[in-house]
Amino acid sequence: MKVETIEQFRNLVLTLGLPRTDVVLFGVICPYCGKNDRVRPLDPPEELKVEELGETNIDLYDRIWRELQPGESLAVCKFCHNILQLQGGDQKGIPLYEL
């Protein structure tokens, strides 16, 4: 997986203020910083509204989402702002850099 793609997605998530909901995945430990109360699931591209984020941002988010996520969910740690993949029914966080 390309580090540049992961960083581009991370910056886009920060810029857009995603995720839109403040749902915490308690019990999922961030593989980067070790926090277990800051991991939040990211919104799938089809759930985001073009009116709120702009078509260009949605298109970029959708393209990178599909490139990073081979069938599992993605999340962000709101403490260290790293993107991770959720596996096992959203029970385990895996660093994207290891995929």
N, C-alpha and C. Protein backbone atom coordinates (compact mmCIF):
# COMPACT_ATOMS: atom_id res chain seq x y z
N MET A 1 0.85 -1.17 0.00
CA MET A 1 0.00 0.00 0.00
C MET A 1 0.89 1.24 0.00
N LYS A 2 0.52 2.21 -0.77
CA LYS A 2 1.33 3.40 -0.89
C LYS A 2 1.15 4.33 0.31
N VAL A 3 2.25 4.72 0.87
CA VAL A 3 2.23 5.63 2.01
C VAL A 3 1.62 6.97 1.61
N GLU A 4 1.92 7.42 0.39
CA GLU A 4 1.39 8.71 -0.09
C GLU A 4 -0.14 8.69 -0.14
N THR A 5 -0.72 7.56 -0.56
CA THR A 5 -2.17 7.44 -0.64
C THR A 5 -2.79 7.49 0.75
N ILE A 6 -2.18 6.79 1.69
CA ILE A 6 -2.67 6.78 3.07
C ILE A 6 -2.61 8.19 3.66
N GLU A 7 -1.51 8.88 3.44
CA GLU A 7 -1.36 10.24 3.96
C GLU A 7 -2.34 11.21 3.30
N GLN A 8 -2.58 11.03 2.01
CA GLN A 8 -3.54 11.88 1.31
C GLN A 8 -4.94 11.67 1.89
N PHE A 9 -5.29 10.43 2.16
CA PHE A 9 -6.61 10.13 2.74
C PHE A 9 -6.71 10.70 4.15
N ARG A 10 -5.66 10.53 4.92
CA ARG A 10 -5.63 11.06 6.30
C ARG A 10 -5.85 12.58 6.29
N ASN A 11 -5.15 13.28 5.41
CA ASN A 11 -5.30 14.73 5.32
C ASN A 11 -6.69 15.13 4.87
N LEU A 12 -7.27 14.37 3.94
CA LEU A 12 -8.62 14.65 3.48
C LEU A 12 -9.63 14.46 4.61
N VAL A 13 -9.49 13.39 5.38
CA VAL A 13 -10.38 13.13 6.52
C VAL A 13 -10.28 14.27 7.53
N LEU A 14 -9.07 14.74 7.81
CA LEU A 14 -8.89 15.85 8.75
C LEU A 14 -9.50 17.14 8.20
N THR A 15 -9.24 17.43 6.94
CA THR A 15 -9.75 18.65 6.32
C THR A 15 -11.27 18.70 6.30
N LEU A 16 -11.89 17.56 6.00
CA LEU A 16 -13.35 17.49 5.90
C LEU A 16 -14.03 17.31 7.25
N GLY A 17 -13.25 17.06 8.30
CA GLY A 17 -13.84 16.88 9.63
C GLY A 17 -14.61 15.58 9.76
N LEU A 18 -14.13 14.55 9.13
CA LEU A 18 -14.81 13.25 9.17
C LEU A 18 -14.31 12.42 10.34
N PRO A 19 -15.10 11.54 10.86
CA PRO A 19 -16.44 11.17 10.43
C PRO A 19 -17.47 12.20 10.90
N ARG A 20 -18.63 12.16 10.25
CA ARG A 20 -19.71 13.09 10.57
C ARG A 20 -20.40 12.74 11.88
N THR A 21 -20.40 11.47 12.25
CA THR A 21 -21.00 11.04 13.52
C THR A 21 -19.90 10.83 14.55
N ASP A 22 -20.27 10.91 15.80
CA ASP A 22 -19.30 10.80 16.88
C ASP A 22 -19.45 9.45 17.60
N VAL A 23 -19.56 8.38 16.83
CA VAL A 23 -19.71 7.04 17.39
C VAL A 23 -18.33 6.49 17.72
N VAL A 24 -18.14 6.09 18.96
CA VAL A 24 -16.87 5.53 19.40
C VAL A 24 -16.95 4.01 19.36
N LEU A 25 -15.93 3.38 18.82
CA LEU A 25 -15.86 1.92 18.80
C LEU A 25 -15.09 1.46 20.04
N PHE A 26 -15.80 1.40 21.18
CA PHE A 26 -15.16 1.01 22.43
C PHE A 26 -14.62 -0.40 22.30
N GLY A 27 -13.43 -0.59 22.81
CA GLY A 27 -12.80 -1.90 22.76
C GLY A 27 -11.85 -2.07 21.59
N VAL A 28 -11.96 -1.21 20.59
CA VAL A 28 -11.02 -1.25 19.47
C VAL A 28 -9.83 -0.39 19.85
N ILE A 29 -8.68 -1.00 19.89
CA ILE A 29 -7.45 -0.30 20.28
C ILE A 29 -6.76 0.22 19.03
N CYS A 30 -6.40 1.49 19.06
CA CYS A 30 -5.66 2.07 17.94
C CYS A 30 -4.29 1.40 17.88
N PRO A 31 -3.93 0.82 16.73
CA PRO A 31 -2.64 0.16 16.62
C PRO A 31 -1.47 1.13 16.57
N TYR A 32 -1.75 2.41 16.44
CA TYR A 32 -0.69 3.41 16.37
C TYR A 32 -0.37 4.00 17.74
N CYS A 33 -1.40 4.41 18.49
CA CYS A 33 -1.16 5.11 19.76
C CYS A 33 -1.62 4.33 20.99
N GLY A 34 -2.41 3.28 20.80
CA GLY A 34 -2.86 2.46 21.91
C GLY A 34 -4.13 2.92 22.61
N LYS A 35 -4.71 4.02 22.18
CA LYS A 35 -5.97 4.49 22.79
C LYS A 35 -7.10 3.54 22.44
N ASN A 36 -8.03 3.33 23.38
CA ASN A 36 -9.16 2.45 23.11
C ASN A 36 -10.50 3.17 23.20
N ASP A 37 -10.48 4.47 23.31
CA ASP A 37 -11.73 5.22 23.41
C ASP A 37 -11.80 6.36 22.39
N ARG A 38 -10.98 6.30 21.36
CA ARG A 38 -10.92 7.38 20.38
C ARG A 38 -11.14 6.93 18.94
N VAL A 39 -11.30 5.63 18.71
CA VAL A 39 -11.45 5.11 17.35
C VAL A 39 -12.90 5.28 16.90
N ARG A 40 -13.06 5.91 15.74
CA ARG A 40 -14.40 6.17 15.19
C ARG A 40 -14.46 5.65 13.75
N PRO A 41 -15.57 4.99 13.40
CA PRO A 41 -15.70 4.48 12.03
C PRO A 41 -15.87 5.62 11.04
N LEU A 42 -15.22 5.49 9.90
CA LEU A 42 -15.38 6.48 8.84
C LEU A 42 -16.62 6.18 8.01
N ASP A 43 -17.22 7.24 7.51
CA ASP A 43 -18.42 7.11 6.70
C ASP A 43 -18.06 6.53 5.33
N PRO A 44 -18.80 5.52 4.89
CA PRO A 44 -18.61 5.05 3.51
C PRO A 44 -18.93 6.19 2.55
N PRO A 45 -18.27 6.24 1.40
CA PRO A 45 -18.47 7.36 0.46
C PRO A 45 -19.93 7.57 0.07
N GLU A 46 -20.69 6.50 -0.06
CA GLU A 46 -22.08 6.63 -0.50
C GLU A 46 -22.97 7.29 0.56
N GLU A 47 -22.50 7.40 1.77
CA GLU A 47 -23.28 8.04 2.84
C GLU A 47 -22.97 9.53 2.99
N LEU A 48 -21.95 10.02 2.31
CA LEU A 48 -21.58 11.43 2.40
C LEU A 48 -22.40 12.25 1.41
N LYS A 49 -22.65 13.50 1.77
CA LYS A 49 -23.49 14.36 0.94
C LYS A 49 -22.63 15.35 0.17
N VAL A 50 -22.84 15.36 -1.13
CA VAL A 50 -22.10 16.25 -2.02
C VAL A 50 -22.33 17.71 -1.63
N GLU A 51 -23.56 18.04 -1.22
CA GLU A 51 -23.89 19.42 -0.85
C GLU A 51 -23.03 19.92 0.30
N GLU A 52 -22.66 19.03 1.21
CA GLU A 52 -21.89 19.42 2.39
C GLU A 52 -20.39 19.46 2.14
N LEU A 53 -19.89 18.53 1.33
CA LEU A 53 -18.44 18.38 1.18
C LEU A 53 -17.90 18.76 -0.19
N GLY A 54 -18.75 18.87 -1.17
CA GLY A 54 -18.31 19.21 -2.52
C GLY A 54 -18.02 17.97 -3.35
N GLU A 55 -18.34 18.06 -4.63
CA GLU A 55 -18.20 16.90 -5.52
C GLU A 55 -16.74 16.46 -5.67
N THR A 56 -15.82 17.40 -5.76
CA THR A 56 -14.41 17.05 -5.91
C THR A 56 -13.91 16.27 -4.69
N ASN A 57 -14.26 16.74 -3.50
CA ASN A 57 -13.84 16.05 -2.28
C ASN A 57 -14.45 14.66 -2.17
N ILE A 58 -15.72 14.54 -2.52
CA ILE A 58 -16.40 13.24 -2.46
C ILE A 58 -15.76 12.27 -3.46
N ASP A 59 -15.48 12.75 -4.66
CA ASP A 59 -14.86 11.89 -5.68
C ASP A 59 -13.49 11.39 -5.22
N LEU A 60 -12.69 12.29 -4.64
CA LEU A 60 -11.37 11.91 -4.14
C LEU A 60 -11.49 10.92 -2.99
N TYR A 61 -12.39 11.20 -2.06
CA TYR A 61 -12.63 10.32 -0.91
C TYR A 61 -13.06 8.94 -1.40
N ASP A 62 -13.96 8.89 -2.35
CA ASP A 62 -14.46 7.62 -2.88
C ASP A 62 -13.34 6.84 -3.56
N ARG A 63 -12.54 7.51 -4.37
CA ARG A 63 -11.45 6.83 -5.07
C ARG A 63 -10.43 6.24 -4.09
N ILE A 64 -10.03 7.04 -3.11
CA ILE A 64 -9.03 6.56 -2.15
C ILE A 64 -9.63 5.49 -1.26
N TRP A 65 -10.89 5.66 -0.84
CA TRP A 65 -11.57 4.65 0.00
C TRP A 65 -11.51 3.29 -0.68
N ARG A 66 -11.87 3.27 -1.95
CA ARG A 66 -11.89 2.00 -2.69
C ARG A 66 -10.49 1.42 -2.87
N GLU A 67 -9.52 2.29 -2.98
CA GLU A 67 -8.14 1.82 -3.11
C GLU A 67 -7.61 1.24 -1.79
N LEU A 68 -7.99 1.85 -0.67
CA LEU A 68 -7.49 1.43 0.63
C LEU A 68 -8.27 0.27 1.23
N GLN A 69 -9.52 0.17 0.92
CA GLN A 69 -10.40 -0.74 1.64
C GLN A 69 -10.85 -1.90 0.77
N PRO A 70 -10.21 -3.04 0.91
CA PRO A 70 -10.62 -4.21 0.13
C PRO A 70 -11.72 -5.00 0.83
N GLY A 71 -12.85 -4.38 1.11
CA GLY A 71 -13.99 -5.10 1.68
C GLY A 71 -14.21 -4.93 3.17
N GLU A 72 -13.31 -4.34 3.88
CA GLU A 72 -13.48 -4.11 5.32
C GLU A 72 -13.80 -2.63 5.57
N SER A 73 -14.07 -2.30 6.82
CA SER A 73 -14.38 -0.92 7.20
C SER A 73 -13.10 -0.16 7.52
N LEU A 74 -13.17 1.15 7.39
CA LEU A 74 -12.06 2.01 7.78
C LEU A 74 -12.49 2.87 8.96
N ALA A 75 -11.52 3.25 9.76
CA ALA A 75 -11.78 4.08 10.93
C ALA A 75 -10.63 5.08 11.09
N VAL A 76 -10.85 6.05 11.96
CA VAL A 76 -9.81 7.02 12.27
C VAL A 76 -9.71 7.13 13.78
N CYS A 77 -8.49 7.25 14.27
CA CYS A 77 -8.28 7.52 15.69
C CYS A 77 -8.30 9.03 15.85
N LYS A 78 -9.21 9.53 16.65
CA LYS A 78 -9.34 10.97 16.84
C LYS A 78 -8.28 11.52 17.79
N PHE A 79 -7.42 10.66 18.32
CA PHE A 79 -6.31 11.11 19.16
C PHE A 79 -5.07 11.37 18.31
N CYS A 80 -4.66 10.33 17.54
CA CYS A 80 -3.44 10.47 16.74
C CYS A 80 -3.73 10.74 15.27
N HIS A 81 -5.01 10.70 14.89
CA HIS A 81 -5.48 11.02 13.54
C HIS A 81 -4.98 10.06 12.46
N ASN A 82 -4.66 8.84 12.84
CA ASN A 82 -4.25 7.84 11.87
C ASN A 82 -5.46 7.03 11.40
N ILE A 83 -5.39 6.58 10.15
CA ILE A 83 -6.44 5.78 9.55
C ILE A 83 -6.09 4.31 9.77
N LEU A 84 -7.09 3.52 10.12
CA LEU A 84 -6.87 2.09 10.31
C LEU A 84 -7.99 1.30 9.68
N GLN A 85 -7.72 0.06 9.43
CA GLN A 85 -8.74 -0.83 8.89
C GLN A 85 -9.32 -1.64 10.03
N LEU A 86 -10.63 -1.84 9.99
CA LEU A 86 -11.32 -2.64 11.00
C LEU A 86 -11.54 -4.03 10.46
N GLN A 87 -11.26 -5.03 11.28
CA GLN A 87 -11.46 -6.41 10.88
C GLN A 87 -12.19 -7.16 11.98
N GLY A 88 -12.70 -8.33 11.63
CA GLY A 88 -13.39 -9.15 12.61
C GLY A 88 -14.67 -8.53 13.11
N GLY A 89 -15.48 -8.04 12.18
CA GLY A 89 -16.73 -7.41 12.60
C GLY A 89 -16.49 -6.12 13.35
N ASP A 90 -15.51 -5.35 12.91
CA ASP A 90 -15.14 -4.07 13.52
C ASP A 90 -14.64 -4.22 14.96
N GLN A 91 -13.99 -5.32 15.25
CA GLN A 91 -13.49 -5.56 16.60
C GLN A 91 -11.98 -5.36 16.75
N LYS A 92 -11.27 -5.29 15.62
CA LYS A 92 -9.81 -5.17 15.69
C LYS A 92 -9.33 -4.13 14.69
N GLY A 93 -8.44 -3.24 15.15
CA GLY A 93 -7.87 -2.23 14.28
C GLY A 93 -6.52 -2.67 13.76
N ILE A 94 -6.35 -2.57 12.44
CA ILE A 94 -5.10 -2.96 11.78
C ILE A 94 -4.51 -1.74 11.10
N PRO A 95 -3.21 -1.48 11.31
CA PRO A 95 -2.59 -0.34 10.61
C PRO A 95 -2.62 -0.53 9.11
N LEU A 96 -2.95 0.50 8.37
CA LEU A 96 -2.97 0.41 6.90
C LEU A 96 -1.57 0.19 6.33
N TYR A 97 -0.57 0.64 7.04
CA TYR A 97 0.80 0.50 6.55
C TYR A 97 1.25 -0.95 6.48
N GLU A 98 0.56 -1.84 7.20
CA GLU A 98 0.94 -3.26 7.20
C GLU A 98 0.21 -4.07 6.14
N LEU A 99 -0.79 -3.49 5.50
CA LEU A 99 -1.58 -4.23 4.53
C LEU A 99 -0.91 -4.27 3.17
